[in-house]
Structure formats: C-alpha cells, structure tokens
Protein backbone atom coordinates (compact mmCIF):
# COMPACT_ATOMS: atom_id res chain seq x y z
CA MET A 1 -16.09 -3.60 -15.62
CA THR A 2 -19.59 -4.90 -14.71
CA PRO A 3 -21.95 -6.26 -17.31
CA LEU A 4 -24.15 -3.23 -16.67
CA GLN A 5 -21.22 -0.90 -17.14
CA ALA A 6 -20.19 -2.60 -20.34
CA TYR A 7 -23.76 -2.18 -21.47
CA ASP A 8 -23.66 1.66 -20.61
CA LEU A 9 -20.60 2.11 -22.81
CA MET A 10 -21.95 -0.01 -25.67
CA VAL A 11 -25.20 2.06 -25.55
CA SER A 12 -23.25 5.41 -25.71
CA ILE A 13 -20.99 4.40 -28.41
CA ARG A 14 -24.29 3.24 -30.26
CA LEU A 15 -25.94 6.42 -29.73
CA PHE A 16 -22.94 8.51 -30.49
CA GLU A 17 -22.24 6.81 -33.85
CA GLU A 18 -26.12 7.19 -34.84
CA ALA A 19 -25.91 10.93 -33.94
CA ILE A 20 -22.69 11.30 -36.04
CA GLU A 21 -24.41 9.77 -39.10
CA ARG A 22 -27.47 12.21 -38.54
CA LEU A 23 -25.22 15.36 -37.96
CA PHE A 24 -23.27 14.50 -41.19
CA LEU A 25 -26.60 14.20 -43.37
CA GLU A 26 -27.77 17.48 -41.82
CA GLY A 27 -24.56 19.16 -42.63
CA HIS A 28 -23.41 20.03 -39.18
CA ILE A 29 -20.20 17.97 -39.71
CA ALA A 30 -17.84 18.27 -42.56
CA GLY A 31 -15.49 15.55 -44.13
CA THR A 32 -16.31 12.07 -43.80
CA ALA A 33 -16.73 9.51 -40.86
CA HIS A 34 -16.61 5.85 -40.46
CA THR A 35 -19.02 4.37 -37.84
CA CYS A 36 -19.02 1.35 -36.05
CA ILE A 37 -22.74 0.66 -35.27
CA GLY A 38 -22.91 -3.29 -34.81
CA GLN A 39 -19.34 -3.73 -33.55
CA GLU A 40 -19.55 -2.16 -29.99
CA ALA A 41 -19.04 -5.44 -28.19
CA VAL A 42 -15.55 -5.72 -29.61
CA ALA A 43 -14.55 -2.27 -28.67
CA VAL A 44 -15.69 -2.70 -24.96
CA GLY A 45 -14.67 -6.28 -24.71
CA VAL A 46 -11.09 -5.37 -25.82
CA ALA A 47 -11.17 -2.11 -23.59
CA ALA A 48 -12.56 -4.22 -20.50
CA ALA A 49 -9.60 -6.67 -20.75
CA LEU A 50 -6.65 -4.22 -20.68
CA GLN A 51 -5.00 -2.49 -17.84
CA PRO A 52 -4.81 1.22 -17.64
CA HIS A 53 -1.08 1.44 -18.81
CA ASP A 54 -1.70 -0.82 -21.82
CA ALA A 55 -1.93 0.53 -25.23
CA MET A 56 -4.64 0.61 -28.09
CA THR A 57 -4.39 1.53 -31.58
CA SER A 58 -7.41 1.83 -33.86
CA THR A 59 -8.35 2.26 -37.42
CA HIS A 60 -10.35 4.73 -39.73
CA ARG A 61 -13.40 3.32 -37.75
CA GLY A 62 -12.21 4.45 -34.25
CA HIS A 63 -14.74 6.42 -32.49
CA GLY A 64 -16.26 3.48 -30.47
CA HIS A 65 -12.57 2.25 -29.53
CA PHE A 66 -11.66 5.68 -28.28
CA ILE A 67 -14.97 5.93 -26.13
CA ALA A 68 -14.38 2.38 -24.59
CA ARG A 69 -10.91 3.27 -23.78
CA GLY A 70 -12.32 6.22 -21.66
CA ALA A 71 -12.75 9.22 -24.05
CA ASP A 72 -14.92 12.07 -23.12
CA PRO A 73 -17.66 11.94 -25.95
CA ARG A 74 -18.09 15.50 -25.82
CA ARG A 75 -14.28 16.00 -26.78
CA VAL A 76 -14.64 13.22 -29.47
CA MET A 77 -17.60 15.01 -31.15
CA ALA A 78 -15.82 18.33 -30.86
CA GLU A 79 -13.19 16.89 -32.70
CA LEU A 80 -15.61 16.01 -35.52
CA PHE A 81 -17.23 19.47 -35.16
CA GLY A 82 -13.84 20.98 -35.98
CA ARG A 83 -13.71 22.68 -32.27
CA GLU A 84 -10.68 23.81 -30.28
CA ALA A 85 -11.94 21.46 -27.31
CA GLY A 86 -11.46 18.41 -29.56
CA TYR A 87 -8.85 15.63 -28.77
CA SER A 88 -6.66 17.20 -31.67
CA ARG A 89 -7.94 20.55 -31.21
CA GLY A 90 -10.22 20.45 -34.16
CA ARG A 91 -7.37 19.82 -36.57
CA GLY A 92 -7.82 16.20 -37.10
CA GLY A 93 -11.23 15.19 -37.49
CA SER A 94 -12.56 11.58 -37.34
CA GLN A 95 -9.49 9.69 -38.04
CA MET A 96 -6.91 11.67 -36.22
CA MET A 97 -7.58 11.70 -32.72
CA MET A 98 -5.62 10.29 -29.67
CA ASP A 99 -4.83 10.55 -26.15
CA PRO A 100 -1.74 8.61 -24.60
CA ALA A 101 -2.89 9.27 -21.20
CA LEU A 102 -5.70 7.07 -21.82
CA GLY A 103 -3.54 4.49 -23.47
CA PHE A 104 -5.25 5.34 -26.76
CA TYR A 105 -2.54 5.95 -29.35
CA GLY A 106 -4.86 7.09 -32.26
CA ALA A 107 -7.27 6.10 -35.16
CA ASN A 108 -5.48 5.90 -38.70
CA GLY A 109 -6.66 6.80 -42.21
CA ILE A 110 -4.41 4.49 -43.76
CA THR A 111 -5.83 0.87 -44.19
CA GLY A 112 -3.50 -1.18 -41.98
CA GLY A 113 -1.60 1.83 -41.09
CA SER A 114 -1.81 1.28 -37.12
CA ILE A 115 -0.19 -2.17 -37.54
CA PRO A 116 3.59 -1.41 -37.80
CA PHE A 117 3.05 1.66 -35.48
CA ALA A 118 1.56 -0.69 -32.66
CA ALA A 119 4.52 -3.12 -33.30
CA GLY A 120 6.95 0.00 -32.46
CA LEU A 121 4.81 0.65 -29.03
CA ALA A 122 5.08 -2.84 -28.17
CA LEU A 123 8.94 -2.80 -28.94
CA ASP A 124 9.34 0.06 -26.82
CA ALA A 125 7.59 -1.63 -23.91
CA GLN A 126 9.82 -4.71 -24.15
CA LEU A 127 12.86 -2.64 -24.26
CA LYS A 128 11.84 -0.58 -21.19
CA LYS A 129 10.47 -3.62 -19.51
CA SER A 130 7.32 -1.53 -18.57
CA GLY A 131 5.10 -4.58 -18.65
CA ARG A 132 2.60 -2.63 -21.20
CA VAL A 133 0.72 -4.66 -23.88
CA THR A 134 -0.62 -3.20 -27.08
CA ALA A 135 -3.78 -4.17 -28.47
CA CYS A 136 -3.83 -3.40 -32.25
CA LEU A 137 -7.40 -3.04 -33.78
CA PHE A 138 -7.86 -3.40 -37.71
CA GLY A 139 -10.31 -4.58 -40.19
CA ASP A 140 -10.34 -7.73 -42.38
CA GLY A 141 -9.55 -5.68 -45.33
CA ALA A 142 -6.21 -4.82 -43.56
CA SER A 143 -5.11 -8.15 -43.14
CA ASN A 144 -4.52 -8.44 -47.07
CA GLN A 145 -2.12 -5.70 -46.57
CA GLY A 146 1.59 -6.46 -47.02
CA VAL A 147 2.40 -4.52 -43.84
CA PHE A 148 0.20 -7.07 -41.96
CA HIS A 149 2.42 -9.92 -42.63
CA GLU A 150 5.66 -8.13 -42.21
CA THR A 151 4.51 -6.77 -38.82
CA LEU A 152 3.26 -10.41 -37.63
CA ASN A 153 6.54 -11.95 -38.72
CA LEU A 154 8.68 -9.56 -37.01
CA ALA A 155 6.48 -9.42 -33.69
CA SER A 156 6.85 -13.15 -33.56
CA LEU A 157 10.66 -13.14 -34.29
CA TRP A 158 11.04 -10.63 -31.31
CA LYS A 159 8.10 -11.87 -29.22
CA LEU A 160 6.66 -8.53 -28.79
CA PRO A 161 4.13 -8.04 -26.17
CA ILE A 162 1.13 -7.33 -28.72
CA LEU A 163 -2.29 -8.68 -29.69
CA PHE A 164 -3.36 -8.27 -33.32
CA ILE A 165 -7.22 -7.98 -33.09
CA VAL A 166 -9.11 -8.34 -36.38
CA GLU A 167 -12.60 -6.74 -36.51
CA ASN A 168 -14.12 -8.89 -39.15
CA ASN A 169 -17.25 -7.22 -40.15
CA GLY A 170 -17.95 -9.02 -43.15
CA TYR A 171 -16.82 -6.40 -45.71
CA ALA A 172 -13.72 -4.44 -46.74
CA MET A 173 -15.42 -1.31 -47.73
CA SER A 174 -17.92 -3.18 -50.23
CA THR A 175 -16.11 -6.34 -50.85
CA PRO A 176 -17.25 -9.20 -48.93
CA THR A 177 -14.80 -11.42 -47.19
CA THR A 178 -15.85 -14.32 -49.35
CA ARG A 179 -14.58 -12.52 -52.47
CA GLY A 180 -11.40 -10.94 -50.95
CA LEU A 181 -9.98 -13.70 -48.79
CA ALA A 182 -8.81 -17.05 -50.26
CA ASN A 183 -9.10 -18.49 -46.61
CA PRO A 184 -12.28 -16.64 -44.98
CA CYS A 185 -10.68 -17.55 -41.61
CA ILE A 186 -8.07 -14.90 -40.75
CA ALA A 187 -7.05 -16.30 -37.52
CA ASP A 188 -5.63 -19.27 -39.56
CA ARG A 189 -2.96 -16.86 -40.85
CA ALA A 190 -1.51 -16.76 -37.40
CA HIS A 191 0.21 -20.32 -37.73
CA ALA A 192 2.46 -19.04 -40.43
CA TYR A 193 4.16 -16.72 -37.81
CA ASN A 194 4.27 -19.13 -35.06
CA MET A 195 1.78 -17.34 -32.89
CA PRO A 196 -1.67 -18.44 -31.28
CA GLY A 197 -4.63 -17.66 -33.67
CA VAL A 198 -8.13 -17.61 -32.32
CA THR A 199 -11.53 -16.75 -33.65
CA VAL A 200 -14.11 -15.48 -31.22
CA ASP A 201 -17.83 -14.28 -31.41
CA GLY A 202 -17.38 -10.59 -31.63
CA ASN A 203 -21.01 -9.72 -30.80
CA ASP A 204 -20.63 -11.25 -27.43
CA PHE A 205 -18.84 -8.90 -24.86
CA PHE A 206 -18.00 -11.77 -22.64
CA ALA A 207 -16.45 -13.83 -25.11
CA VAL A 208 -14.22 -10.89 -26.56
CA ARG A 209 -13.10 -10.07 -22.90
CA GLU A 210 -12.32 -13.58 -21.85
CA GLN A 211 -10.32 -14.28 -25.00
CA VAL A 212 -8.32 -10.93 -24.80
CA GLN A 213 -7.62 -11.18 -21.12
CA LYS A 214 -6.05 -14.61 -21.39
CA LEU A 215 -3.82 -13.51 -24.34
CA VAL A 216 -3.00 -10.03 -22.90
CA GLU A 217 -1.62 -11.90 -19.72
CA ALA A 218 0.28 -14.30 -21.66
CA ALA A 219 1.91 -11.72 -23.87
CA ARG A 220 2.66 -9.71 -20.69
CA SER A 221 4.27 -12.78 -19.16
CA GLY A 222 6.73 -12.76 -22.25
CA ALA A 223 4.74 -15.42 -24.54
CA GLY A 224 4.83 -12.93 -27.40
CA PRO A 225 1.94 -11.95 -30.01
CA ALA A 226 -1.34 -13.51 -30.59
CA LEU A 227 -3.86 -12.75 -33.39
CA ILE A 228 -7.54 -12.72 -32.54
CA GLU A 229 -10.20 -12.66 -35.06
CA CYS A 230 -13.50 -11.13 -33.81
CA LEU A 231 -16.44 -11.93 -36.05
CA THR A 232 -19.06 -9.26 -36.06
CA TYR A 233 -21.18 -7.20 -38.72
CA ARG A 234 -21.16 -3.63 -39.74
CA ILE A 235 -24.67 -2.67 -39.54
CA SER A 236 -23.93 0.82 -40.77
CA GLY A 237 -22.33 1.59 -44.17
CA HIS A 238 -18.86 1.86 -44.84
CA SER A 239 -18.99 5.62 -44.44
CA ARG A 240 -21.65 8.43 -44.60
CA GLY A 241 -23.77 8.28 -47.66
CA ASP A 242 -23.04 4.62 -48.42
CA PRO A 243 -26.46 3.20 -49.89
CA ARG A 244 -25.28 -0.55 -49.18
CA THR A 245 -26.35 -1.71 -52.65
CA TYR A 246 -23.81 -4.42 -52.29
CA ARG A 247 -25.68 -6.28 -49.77
CA SER A 248 -29.44 -7.15 -49.37
CA ARG A 249 -31.74 -5.90 -46.86
CA GLU A 250 -32.67 -9.53 -45.91
CA GLU A 251 -29.01 -10.21 -45.05
CA GLU A 252 -28.96 -7.05 -42.74
CA LEU A 253 -32.13 -7.98 -41.16
CA SER A 254 -30.66 -11.51 -40.39
CA ALA A 255 -27.52 -9.89 -39.16
CA GLN A 256 -29.27 -7.59 -36.83
CA LYS A 257 -30.71 -10.50 -34.95
CA GLN A 258 -27.36 -10.96 -33.44
CA ASP A 259 -26.99 -7.25 -32.37
CA PRO A 260 -24.56 -6.99 -29.63
CA LEU A 261 -26.92 -4.71 -27.61
CA LEU A 262 -29.63 -6.95 -27.84
CA ARG A 263 -27.39 -10.01 -26.68
CA MET A 264 -26.31 -7.90 -23.75
CA GLU A 265 -29.83 -6.89 -22.71
CA SER A 266 -30.88 -10.59 -22.92
CA HIS A 267 -27.96 -11.39 -20.51
CA LEU A 268 -28.78 -8.60 -18.06
CA THR A 269 -32.35 -9.50 -18.03
CA LYS A 270 -31.79 -13.29 -17.68
CA HIS A 271 -28.65 -13.57 -15.74
CA GLU A 272 -28.51 -10.24 -13.73
CA SER A 273 -32.09 -10.15 -12.95
CA LEU A 274 -32.26 -6.45 -14.09
CA PRO A 275 -35.91 -5.32 -15.06
CA ILE A 276 -36.50 -3.83 -18.58
CA ALA A 277 -37.25 -0.51 -16.86
CA THR A 278 -33.64 -0.44 -15.62
CA LEU A 279 -32.36 -0.82 -19.09
CA VAL A 280 -34.76 1.80 -20.45
CA ALA A 281 -33.51 4.17 -17.69
CA HIS A 282 -29.89 3.69 -18.70
CA GLN A 283 -30.78 4.09 -22.42
CA LYS A 284 -32.10 7.45 -21.46
CA GLN A 285 -29.05 8.44 -19.47
CA ALA A 286 -26.97 7.45 -22.38
CA GLN A 287 -28.96 9.60 -24.90
CA ALA A 288 -28.73 12.70 -22.59
CA LEU A 289 -25.04 12.21 -22.53
CA ILE A 290 -24.85 12.52 -26.36
CA ASP A 291 -27.53 15.21 -26.38
CA GLU A 292 -25.41 17.12 -23.94
CA ALA A 293 -22.24 16.57 -26.06
CA ILE A 294 -23.98 17.97 -29.26
CA ARG A 295 -25.03 21.09 -27.34
CA PHE A 296 -21.44 21.36 -26.17
CA CYS A 297 -20.21 21.27 -29.71
CA GLU A 298 -22.65 23.63 -31.01
CA THR A 299 -21.54 26.49 -28.64
CA ALA A 300 -17.69 25.39 -28.41
CA PRO A 301 -15.33 27.85 -30.06
CA LEU A 302 -13.50 27.13 -33.22
CA PRO A 303 -9.74 27.23 -33.21
CA ASP A 304 -7.83 30.56 -33.83
CA PRO A 305 -6.74 30.60 -37.59
CA LEU A 306 -3.53 32.07 -36.33
CA ASP A 307 -2.61 29.19 -34.34
CA TYR A 308 -2.49 26.87 -37.45
CA LEU A 309 0.32 29.01 -38.88
CA ALA A 310 2.29 29.46 -35.61
CA GLU A 311 2.12 25.57 -35.06
CA VAL A 312 3.58 24.93 -38.67
CA LEU A 313 6.33 27.40 -38.04
CA THR A 314 7.44 25.94 -34.73
C-alpha cells in the first residue's frame, strides 16, 4: 500500500463516518453507531501490515476497520440502512458485520467480546498450520475486562499467532484513561504474560504499519502473541448524540492538531512532493464515493420480512 493509497482509505473512512453521524441525526438510520473519527491511521496502518489470508476482529467502533480491510462502503452503509444489500443482509446493523472472504471476522457489541473469539481464530490457524495471523483490535476500556487477562495468558501459554491491538483513544465511553487505569500504559500489561508489549503513535500511519508488520511476521514464524498499544484520540463522541460534556473544547482542539489526516497530508506534500491540488482531487473522489454509497442505500430494497422467519426456522 502506497502512502497515497493509505491516505485515500483514511479520507474515505473519515467521510463515511461523518456521513453516518449526519444521517443518524437526520433520522435516515435507526439504532445507534460508534464512529472512529480521529482513529483512521490505526485501522489503515494495521490493515496495510496484514496479508490477505490474515484475520482481523473488531469492536463496536468497527466501520473503519472493515473499510480498511477492503469492504465496499456501499454495502457497509447499506447494513446501517437495514438494506438487503448490507453485509448482514440488513439484519445486524452497525455492530454485526463481517466478511471472512476479506479476512474480517466481525465487529462486536460486547466490550472485549472479540478478544477470546480472536484467540479461537489463532488457535485454528495454529492447529491447521495455515500461516494466518489474527489482529484483534479493541479499546482501552476493554483492557479492564477479565477476558482480556484470561485470553492473553492463554495465548502466551500456547504461543498463538495473534496480535492484541489496543486503540487507546483516551476514553472508555466517558471515563478518561487517567481515571480508569491504575497504570495508564496498557502495553506494560504484556510483561505479566511473557509477551512483547509496545506503545506506538496511533495517529502515524507509518509507525503503526511498521510496528504491526514486525510483530505479525514474528507471530507467523512461531514467536507467539504480542500486545500493541496505539495512542490516538476519538475526535467524535462515544456514539451518536454524545454531547461530550466530560471533556473540554480546548482539549479537543489541542488533540485535533495531531489529526492523522493532517499528519498524512504533511507527509505527502513534504516527502512525496504531491501538490495540494492533488490531495484536494483525491478528497473529492472520496466524497463522490460516499455520496454514491448514500444514493445506493436510499434506493436499495429492504429485506423481505418473510425471510426472517424462514431463517429462524432453518
């Protein structure tokens, strides 16, 4: 993946998520959704470090991970619209999408719910000697779940080919990490389970990709699991309608100066010699993609209600 391709993906994810927030407020989408605005470099950096046959598991905040892994934004959005064309045929919504053909084994509505499931995927790969590595993404809040500790312990004992990747975006819902973690460095927990633990700048695509690539290949060669903590910031609220009263606007403005899109734009202009006009053109292409996805969903058919009963009975 070239830097410009990575930028295209990051911009597409950002515009997709911004559209989702708007469509919810306008009443076009029901239910709820959790956007990853500000965390795009983690999703794309991890995806860029994986091989096509590798596996990825996600969280309740999973649209960006899925799109980074190769999902069609039209079908992701169609699932949010409850349309038959969605990845779960309109039955799952924001948190219940997957496509094993893309190596994406689903978002998850349970905090930390994907962690043991990802270990199961890694055990399957180990037993079958498939060479597949699993990248398990979860948030800082999930690192306080008991299943986090249980799974890391087991994965280390069995030397499973898995990377536990924490998106530390500063908040577990509305609880800042400084109030929810006795030791705010989640990577330090790796030492208790005899595995490598590293912290990386999660707003830097290149830093994420490089670190994940290194540990993916180590896991593939039999070295066992590792814990990677990606420090980032959730610019958006926890979910739609979140007024973000638990943090100041000054804090948000300060964090936005490290926006991963701005960081990538700086790299592309300074180190890849791309003119601003080229970046603007790519932004317009990404916006056209998202606009087309919305039009697609507005006319796509809803599921046949009779199919729901048929699938339950079978």
